[in-house]
Amino acid sequence: MSVHQVRNQQIAKRIDGEVTKLLSTGANDRDIFTGMVHQMGDFRILLDAALPGEMDLLCAQYEGFHRYAKILEEVALGVEAGEINVPR
C-alpha cells in the first residue's frame, strides 16, 4: 500500500469513527452534516486524490464514511439543482 493510500485510509477511518459515534447518539443526516463540518476539508483532499475506484473501496470498507459521502453527495446535488440555497 502506498503512502498516498495509507493517508486516504486514515482519513476515511477517522471520518467513519466520528460518524459512527454520532450515529450511536441517535444523530440523523442533518446532525451528521453539521457535526462533521470540520472534516469537509479532509474529505475533499481524499476525494481529489483518490485513485480510480478507491472511494468505492473505502465506502465498502467503512459504513460511516459511506454515509458521510452520501450526505455530502445529496447536499451537492441539492445545491446544484437550486433546491438548497447557499450564501454567495
C-alpha atoms as a PDB file:
ATOM      1  CA  MET A   1       0.000   0.000   0.000  1.00  0.00           C
ATOM      2  CA  SER A   2       1.402   3.389  -0.995  1.00  0.00           C
ATOM      3  CA  VAL A   3       1.823   6.341   1.362  1.00  0.00           C
ATOM      4  CA  HIS A   4      -0.994   8.017  -0.561  1.00  0.00           C
ATOM      5  CA  GLN A   5      -3.344   5.084   0.036  1.00  0.00           C
ATOM      6  CA  VAL A   6      -2.391   4.867   3.712  1.00  0.00           C
ATOM      7  CA  ARG A   7      -3.221   8.563   4.159  1.00  0.00           C
ATOM      8  CA  ASN A   8      -6.551   8.137   2.397  1.00  0.00           C
ATOM      9  CA  GLN A   9      -7.396   5.112   4.529  1.00  0.00           C
ATOM     10  CA  GLN A  10      -6.553   7.076   7.693  1.00  0.00           C
ATOM     11  CA  ILE A  11      -8.855   9.923   6.644  1.00  0.00           C
ATOM     12  CA  ALA A  12     -11.676   7.510   5.818  1.00  0.00           C
ATOM     13  CA  LYS A  13     -11.203   5.640   9.091  1.00  0.00           C
ATOM     14  CA  ARG A  14     -11.261   8.888  11.098  1.00  0.00           C
ATOM     15  CA  ILE A  15     -14.434  10.085   9.356  1.00  0.00           C
ATOM     16  CA  ASP A  16     -16.006   6.653   9.819  1.00  0.00           C
ATOM     17  CA  GLY A  17     -15.274   6.722  13.546  1.00  0.00           C
ATOM     18  CA  GLU A  18     -16.802  10.149  14.013  1.00  0.00           C
ATOM     19  CA  VAL A  19     -19.933   9.303  12.018  1.00  0.00           C
ATOM     20  CA  THR A  20     -20.319   6.024  13.905  1.00  0.00           C
ATOM     21  CA  LYS A  21     -20.041   7.911  17.194  1.00  0.00           C
ATOM     22  CA  LEU A  22     -22.689  10.431  16.095  1.00  0.00           C
ATOM     23  CA  LEU A  23     -24.987   7.623  14.962  1.00  0.00           C
ATOM     24  CA  SER A  24     -24.650   5.937  18.345  1.00  0.00           C
ATOM     25  CA  THR A  25     -26.152   9.072  19.909  1.00  0.00           C
ATOM     26  CA  GLY A  26     -29.161   8.959  17.573  1.00  0.00           C
ATOM     27  CA  ALA A  27     -27.897  11.515  15.068  1.00  0.00           C
ATOM     28  CA  ASN A  28     -29.711  11.929  11.751  1.00  0.00           C
ATOM     29  CA  ASP A  29     -28.204  13.062   8.439  1.00  0.00           C
ATOM     30  CA  ARG A  30     -28.564  16.743   9.313  1.00  0.00           C
ATOM     31  CA  ASP A  31     -26.808  16.186  12.632  1.00  0.00           C
ATOM     32  CA  ILE A  32     -24.022  14.339  10.849  1.00  0.00           C
ATOM     33  CA  PHE A  33     -23.670  17.073   8.236  1.00  0.00           C
ATOM     34  CA  THR A  34     -23.426  19.858  10.815  1.00  0.00           C
ATOM     35  CA  GLY A  35     -21.375  17.783  13.245  1.00  0.00           C
ATOM     36  CA  MET A  36     -18.789  16.921  10.620  1.00  0.00           C
ATOM     37  CA  VAL A  37     -18.128  20.359   9.110  1.00  0.00           C
ATOM     38  CA  HIS A  38     -14.554  20.182  10.395  1.00  0.00           C
ATOM     39  CA  GLN A  39     -13.967  17.050   8.255  1.00  0.00           C
ATOM     40  CA  MET A  40     -15.040  18.558   4.919  1.00  0.00           C
ATOM     41  CA  GLY A  41     -11.528  19.721   4.070  1.00  0.00           C
ATOM     42  CA  ASP A  42     -10.015  16.278   4.616  1.00  0.00           C
ATOM     43  CA  PHE A  43     -12.878  14.662   2.711  1.00  0.00           C
ATOM     44  CA  ARG A  44     -12.174  16.983  -0.215  1.00  0.00           C
ATOM     45  CA  ILE A  45      -8.456  16.147  -0.105  1.00  0.00           C
ATOM     46  CA  LEU A  46      -9.326  12.460  -0.221  1.00  0.00           C
ATOM     47  CA  LEU A  47     -11.880  12.960  -2.999  1.00  0.00           C
ATOM     48  CA  ASP A  48      -9.414  14.904  -5.147  1.00  0.00           C
ATOM     49  CA  ALA A  49      -6.514  12.488  -4.579  1.00  0.00           C
ATOM     50  CA  ALA A  50      -8.353   9.164  -4.723  1.00  0.00           C
ATOM     51  CA  LEU A  51      -7.276   6.695  -7.359  1.00  0.00           C
ATOM     52  CA  PRO A  52      -9.945   5.274  -9.688  1.00  0.00           C
ATOM     53  CA  GLY A  53     -12.180   3.007  -7.617  1.00  0.00           C
ATOM     54  CA  GLU A  54     -10.570   3.968  -4.310  1.00  0.00           C
ATOM     55  CA  MET A  55     -13.596   5.873  -2.997  1.00  0.00           C
ATOM     56  CA  ASP A  56     -15.801   2.866  -3.756  1.00  0.00           C
ATOM     57  CA  LEU A  57     -13.430   0.597  -1.853  1.00  0.00           C
ATOM     58  CA  LEU A  58     -13.297   2.938   1.138  1.00  0.00           C
ATOM     59  CA  CYS A  59     -17.096   3.251   1.140  1.00  0.00           C
ATOM     60  CA  ALA A  60     -17.413  -0.540   1.083  1.00  0.00           C
ATOM     61  CA  GLN A  61     -14.953  -0.851   3.945  1.00  0.00           C
ATOM     62  CA  TYR A  62     -16.273   1.934   6.198  1.00  0.00           C
ATOM     63  CA  GLU A  63     -20.037   2.250   6.602  1.00  0.00           C
ATOM     64  CA  GLY A  64     -19.860   5.592   8.438  1.00  0.00           C
ATOM     65  CA  PHE A  65     -17.578   7.011   5.768  1.00  0.00           C
ATOM     66  CA  HIS A  66     -20.035   5.830   3.117  1.00  0.00           C
ATOM     67  CA  ARG A  67     -22.909   7.507   4.952  1.00  0.00           C
ATOM     68  CA  TYR A  68     -20.990  10.802   5.138  1.00  0.00           C
ATOM     69  CA  ALA A  69     -20.086  10.599   1.443  1.00  0.00           C
ATOM     70  CA  LYS A  70     -23.755  10.060   0.525  1.00  0.00           C
ATOM     71  CA  ILE A  71     -24.838  13.004   2.697  1.00  0.00           C
ATOM     72  CA  LEU A  72     -22.301  15.281   1.001  1.00  0.00           C
ATOM     73  CA  GLU A  73     -23.367  13.997  -2.403  1.00  0.00           C
ATOM     74  CA  GLU A  74     -27.021  14.750  -1.643  1.00  0.00           C
ATOM     75  CA  VAL A  75     -26.155  18.250  -0.433  1.00  0.00           C
ATOM     76  CA  ALA A  76     -24.046  18.924  -3.543  1.00  0.00           C
ATOM     77  CA  LEU A  77     -26.863  17.753  -5.810  1.00  0.00           C
ATOM     78  CA  GLY A  78     -29.344  19.939  -3.915  1.00  0.00           C
ATOM     79  CA  VAL A  79     -27.113  22.979  -4.257  1.00  0.00           C
ATOM     80  CA  GLU A  80     -26.561  22.302  -7.962  1.00  0.00           C
ATOM     81  CA  ALA A  81     -30.295  21.891  -8.568  1.00  0.00           C
ATOM     82  CA  GLY A  82     -31.063  25.109  -6.683  1.00  0.00           C
ATOM     83  CA  GLU A  83     -33.008  23.207  -4.016  1.00  0.00           C
ATOM     84  CA  ILE A  84     -30.571  24.284  -1.305  1.00  0.00           C
ATOM     85  CA  ASN A  85     -29.688  27.960  -1.099  1.00  0.00           C
ATOM     86  CA  VAL A  86     -26.161  28.881  -0.158  1.00  0.00           C
ATOM     87  CA  PRO A  87     -24.747  32.331   0.520  1.00  0.00           C
ATOM     88  CA  ARG A  88     -22.561  33.621  -2.300  1.00  0.00           C
END
